[in-house]
């Protein structure tokens, strides 16, 4: 098991073996084993991550699922889904919201499966359709605070293609101010104004055979 939860740009990594931890992260991270942590210590670690008082934190446990359950219990959990969409020119569909470039995504509704949620959110946020589902890409995790609640959002990502090369229509009620197709060769600049989870899922997408 390997789960990376972002607190803005700072990762909390949960793993069931040290071999899954990238060497570049392991070298600079504060590392714990789950046996060392009391519940109060775990809450302090999470609080420090929210406040930006930590660099990367790694927690390793031989029982990965138990560790995941314990950490996730510290948050209100939200399930979301979104999409990486390419048009016929292989450009990628982005939205601009809250001064950041993002991929279209949103919360899953009751009884909705992740792929259907992703397709619905893409169309609602960008106006782009029809969409052809190709398959899953991966999952990202990020934590944030809202109305004094600690929230963990799990986002399931899917790859779609479309024959629609139009500009799209931003969903302004969701604070989206721009919808834009961006060529792969031009991603470097917008990625400087994006989120770590978006960079990560795009890396996963481009690494897939």
Protein backbone atom coordinates (compact mmCIF):
# COMPACT_ATOMS: atom_id res chain seq x y z
CA UNK A 1 0.00 0.00 0.00
CA UNK A 2 1.13 3.52 -0.82
CA UNK A 3 -1.09 6.57 -0.24
CA UNK A 4 0.04 10.18 -0.53
CA UNK A 5 -2.21 12.79 1.08
CA UNK A 6 -1.40 16.39 0.21
CA UNK A 7 -1.83 19.24 2.67
CA UNK A 8 -1.43 21.99 0.07
CA UNK A 9 2.04 21.05 -1.20
CA UNK A 10 3.18 18.95 1.80
CA UNK A 11 2.68 15.18 1.57
CA UNK A 12 1.70 12.72 4.28
CA UNK A 13 2.67 9.28 3.03
CA UNK A 14 1.16 6.05 4.34
CA UNK A 15 2.91 2.83 3.37
CA UNK A 16 3.17 -0.76 4.47
CA UNK A 17 6.83 -1.02 3.47
CA UNK A 18 9.77 1.42 3.23
CA UNK A 19 10.56 0.12 -0.26
CA UNK A 20 7.55 2.01 -1.66
CA UNK A 21 8.87 5.40 -0.49
CA UNK A 22 10.77 7.37 -3.16
CA UNK A 23 14.34 7.98 -2.01
CA UNK A 24 14.07 11.73 -2.60
CA UNK A 25 11.13 11.95 -0.17
CA UNK A 26 12.47 9.47 2.38
CA UNK A 27 15.71 11.41 2.76
CA UNK A 28 14.00 14.63 3.86
CA UNK A 29 10.85 13.27 5.53
CA UNK A 30 10.06 12.73 9.19
CA UNK A 31 9.37 9.00 9.42
CA UNK A 32 7.31 7.11 11.99
CA UNK A 33 6.19 3.54 12.39
CA UNK A 34 2.55 3.12 13.32
CA UNK A 35 3.51 1.29 16.52
CA UNK A 36 5.13 4.51 17.78
CA UNK A 37 2.05 6.66 17.37
CA UNK A 38 -0.69 7.23 19.91
CA UNK A 39 -3.93 8.76 18.56
CA UNK A 40 -3.03 12.12 20.10
CA UNK A 41 0.33 12.09 18.29
CA UNK A 42 -1.36 11.34 14.97
CA UNK A 43 -3.71 14.29 15.46
CA UNK A 44 -0.73 16.54 16.26
CA UNK A 45 1.06 15.41 13.09
CA UNK A 46 -2.04 16.23 11.05
CA UNK A 47 -2.38 19.60 12.78
CA UNK A 48 1.25 20.45 12.02
CA UNK A 49 0.73 19.52 8.37
CA UNK A 50 -2.27 21.83 8.13
CA UNK A 51 -0.24 24.66 9.66
CA UNK A 52 2.68 24.06 7.30
CA UNK A 53 4.98 23.26 10.21
CA UNK A 54 6.25 20.01 8.68
CA UNK A 55 8.01 18.88 5.57
CA UNK A 56 7.06 15.48 4.23
CA UNK A 57 5.83 12.96 6.82
CA UNK A 58 5.98 9.19 6.32
CA UNK A 59 4.10 6.65 8.44
CA UNK A 60 4.93 2.98 7.89
CA UNK A 61 2.86 0.07 9.16
CA UNK A 62 2.93 -3.65 8.48
CA UNK A 63 -0.87 -3.49 8.42
CA UNK A 64 -1.49 -0.92 5.73
CA UNK A 65 -5.27 -1.17 5.76
CA UNK A 66 -5.43 -0.63 9.52
CA UNK A 67 -3.17 2.43 9.16
CA UNK A 68 -5.34 3.82 6.37
CA UNK A 69 -8.49 3.32 8.45
CA UNK A 70 -6.92 5.04 11.47
CA UNK A 71 -5.72 8.06 9.50
CA UNK A 72 -8.90 8.45 7.45
CA UNK A 73 -10.94 8.39 10.69
CA UNK A 74 -9.32 11.72 11.61
CA UNK A 75 -11.22 13.45 8.78
CA UNK A 76 -14.61 13.97 7.29
CA UNK A 77 -14.23 11.97 4.08
CA UNK A 78 -15.51 13.13 0.69
CA UNK A 79 -15.47 11.06 -2.51
CA UNK A 80 -15.03 12.93 -5.78
CA UNK A 81 -14.25 12.13 -9.39
CA UNK A 82 -12.85 13.98 -12.36
CA UNK A 83 -11.35 13.60 -15.77
CA UNK A 84 -8.35 14.05 -17.98
CA UNK A 85 -9.90 14.92 -21.34
CA UNK A 86 -8.12 15.01 -24.70
CA UNK A 87 -9.52 16.34 -27.97
CA UNK A 88 -8.58 15.20 -31.47
CA UNK A 89 -5.38 17.29 -31.33
CA UNK A 90 -4.42 15.59 -28.03
CA UNK A 91 -4.78 18.89 -26.17
CA UNK A 92 -5.82 18.62 -22.51
CA UNK A 93 -8.93 20.23 -21.02
CA UNK A 94 -8.30 22.57 -18.06
CA UNK A 95 -10.36 24.92 -15.94
CA UNK A 96 -9.14 28.04 -14.14
CA UNK A 97 -10.61 28.40 -10.66
CA UNK A 98 -9.46 30.33 -7.59
CA UNK A 99 -6.28 31.49 -9.36
CA UNK A 100 -5.20 27.91 -10.16
CA UNK A 101 -5.27 25.68 -13.22
CA UNK A 102 -7.23 22.56 -12.39
CA UNK A 103 -8.87 19.56 -14.00
CA UNK A 104 -12.68 19.29 -13.95
CA UNK A 105 -13.93 17.25 -11.01
CA UNK A 106 -16.57 17.25 -8.30
CA UNK A 107 -18.26 15.40 -5.46
CA UNK A 108 -20.00 12.11 -6.10
CA UNK A 109 -23.76 12.14 -5.59
CA UNK A 110 -25.62 9.45 -3.65
CA UNK A 111 -25.78 6.23 -5.67
CA UNK A 112 -23.48 7.58 -8.37
CA UNK A 113 -20.45 5.61 -9.55
CA UNK A 114 -17.11 7.36 -9.96
CA UNK A 115 -16.92 7.24 -13.77
CA UNK A 116 -20.44 8.66 -14.17
CA UNK A 117 -19.62 11.40 -11.68
CA UNK A 118 -16.47 12.32 -13.61
CA UNK A 119 -18.38 12.55 -16.90
CA UNK A 120 -21.16 14.64 -15.34
CA UNK A 121 -18.73 17.03 -13.67
CA UNK A 122 -16.70 17.55 -16.84
CA UNK A 123 -19.81 18.49 -18.80
CA UNK A 124 -21.21 20.70 -16.01
CA UNK A 125 -17.95 22.58 -15.40
CA UNK A 126 -16.81 22.98 -19.02
CA UNK A 127 -19.81 22.39 -21.30
CA UNK A 128 -17.72 19.88 -23.28
CA UNK A 129 -19.55 16.84 -24.68
CA UNK A 130 -19.83 14.15 -25.99
CA UNK A 131 -17.25 12.30 -23.92
CA UNK A 132 -15.87 8.83 -24.55
CA UNK A 133 -14.66 7.02 -21.42
CA UNK A 134 -11.35 5.25 -22.07
CA UNK A 135 -10.54 4.06 -18.55
CA UNK A 136 -9.32 4.85 -15.03
CA UNK A 137 -6.08 6.75 -14.44
CA UNK A 138 -5.58 6.77 -10.67
CA UNK A 139 -6.59 8.29 -7.35
CA UNK A 140 -5.37 11.37 -5.50
CA UNK A 141 -5.89 12.55 -1.92
CA UNK A 142 -5.81 16.03 -0.46
CA UNK A 143 -6.74 17.45 2.93
CA UNK A 144 -8.15 20.86 3.67
CA UNK A 145 -10.09 22.73 6.32
CA UNK A 146 -13.55 24.11 5.72
CA UNK A 147 -15.83 25.64 8.36
CA UNK A 148 -13.51 24.33 11.09
CA UNK A 149 -13.78 20.77 9.74
CA UNK A 150 -10.81 18.63 8.71
CA UNK A 151 -11.74 17.21 5.32
CA UNK A 152 -10.04 14.53 3.24
CA UNK A 153 -11.07 14.41 -0.40
CA UNK A 154 -10.43 11.23 -2.36
CA UNK A 155 -10.56 11.98 -6.10
CA UNK A 156 -10.92 9.19 -8.66
CA UNK A 157 -9.59 10.13 -12.10
CA UNK A 158 -10.61 8.86 -15.53
CA UNK A 159 -9.38 9.37 -19.07
CA UNK A 160 -11.86 10.61 -21.65
CA UNK A 161 -11.60 11.64 -25.28
CA UNK A 162 -13.89 13.95 -27.22
CA UNK A 163 -14.47 15.04 -30.80
CA UNK A 164 -15.55 18.45 -29.49
CA UNK A 165 -12.77 20.96 -30.07
CA UNK A 166 -14.82 23.99 -29.01
CA UNK A 167 -13.66 26.40 -26.31
CA UNK A 168 -16.26 25.30 -23.75
CA UNK A 169 -18.30 27.28 -21.22
CA UNK A 170 -17.04 27.83 -17.64
CA UNK A 171 -19.48 27.05 -14.81
CA UNK A 172 -19.27 30.46 -13.16
CA UNK A 173 -21.40 29.47 -10.16
CA UNK A 174 -18.53 27.14 -9.25
CA UNK A 175 -16.06 30.05 -9.49
CA UNK A 176 -14.65 28.77 -12.78
CA UNK A 177 -13.53 31.73 -14.89
CA UNK A 178 -11.97 29.98 -17.89
CA UNK A 179 -12.06 26.71 -19.81
CA UNK A 180 -9.01 26.09 -21.97
CA UNK A 181 -7.48 23.41 -24.16
CA UNK A 182 -3.73 23.28 -23.48
CA UNK A 183 -1.21 21.46 -25.64
CA UNK A 184 1.04 18.99 -23.86
CA UNK A 185 4.12 20.95 -24.91
CA UNK A 186 2.70 24.04 -23.19
CA UNK A 187 1.99 22.50 -19.77
CA UNK A 188 5.09 23.73 -17.96
CA UNK A 189 3.82 27.26 -17.26
CA UNK A 190 0.27 26.39 -16.08
CA UNK A 191 1.65 23.62 -13.86
CA UNK A 192 3.49 26.29 -11.89
CA UNK A 193 0.03 27.63 -11.03
CA UNK A 194 -1.67 24.33 -10.23
CA UNK A 195 -1.97 21.77 -7.41
CA UNK A 196 0.39 18.96 -6.45
CA UNK A 197 -2.41 16.42 -6.92
CA UNK A 198 -2.98 17.62 -10.49
CA UNK A 199 0.73 17.39 -11.30
CA UNK A 200 0.78 13.90 -9.81
CA UNK A 201 -2.23 12.53 -11.70
CA UNK A 202 -0.91 13.97 -14.96
CA UNK A 203 2.44 12.28 -14.35
CA UNK A 204 0.56 9.02 -13.78
CA UNK A 205 -1.41 9.58 -17.00
CA UNK A 206 1.67 10.24 -19.11
CA UNK A 207 3.54 7.29 -17.57
CA UNK A 208 0.81 4.82 -18.58
CA UNK A 209 1.71 2.67 -21.61
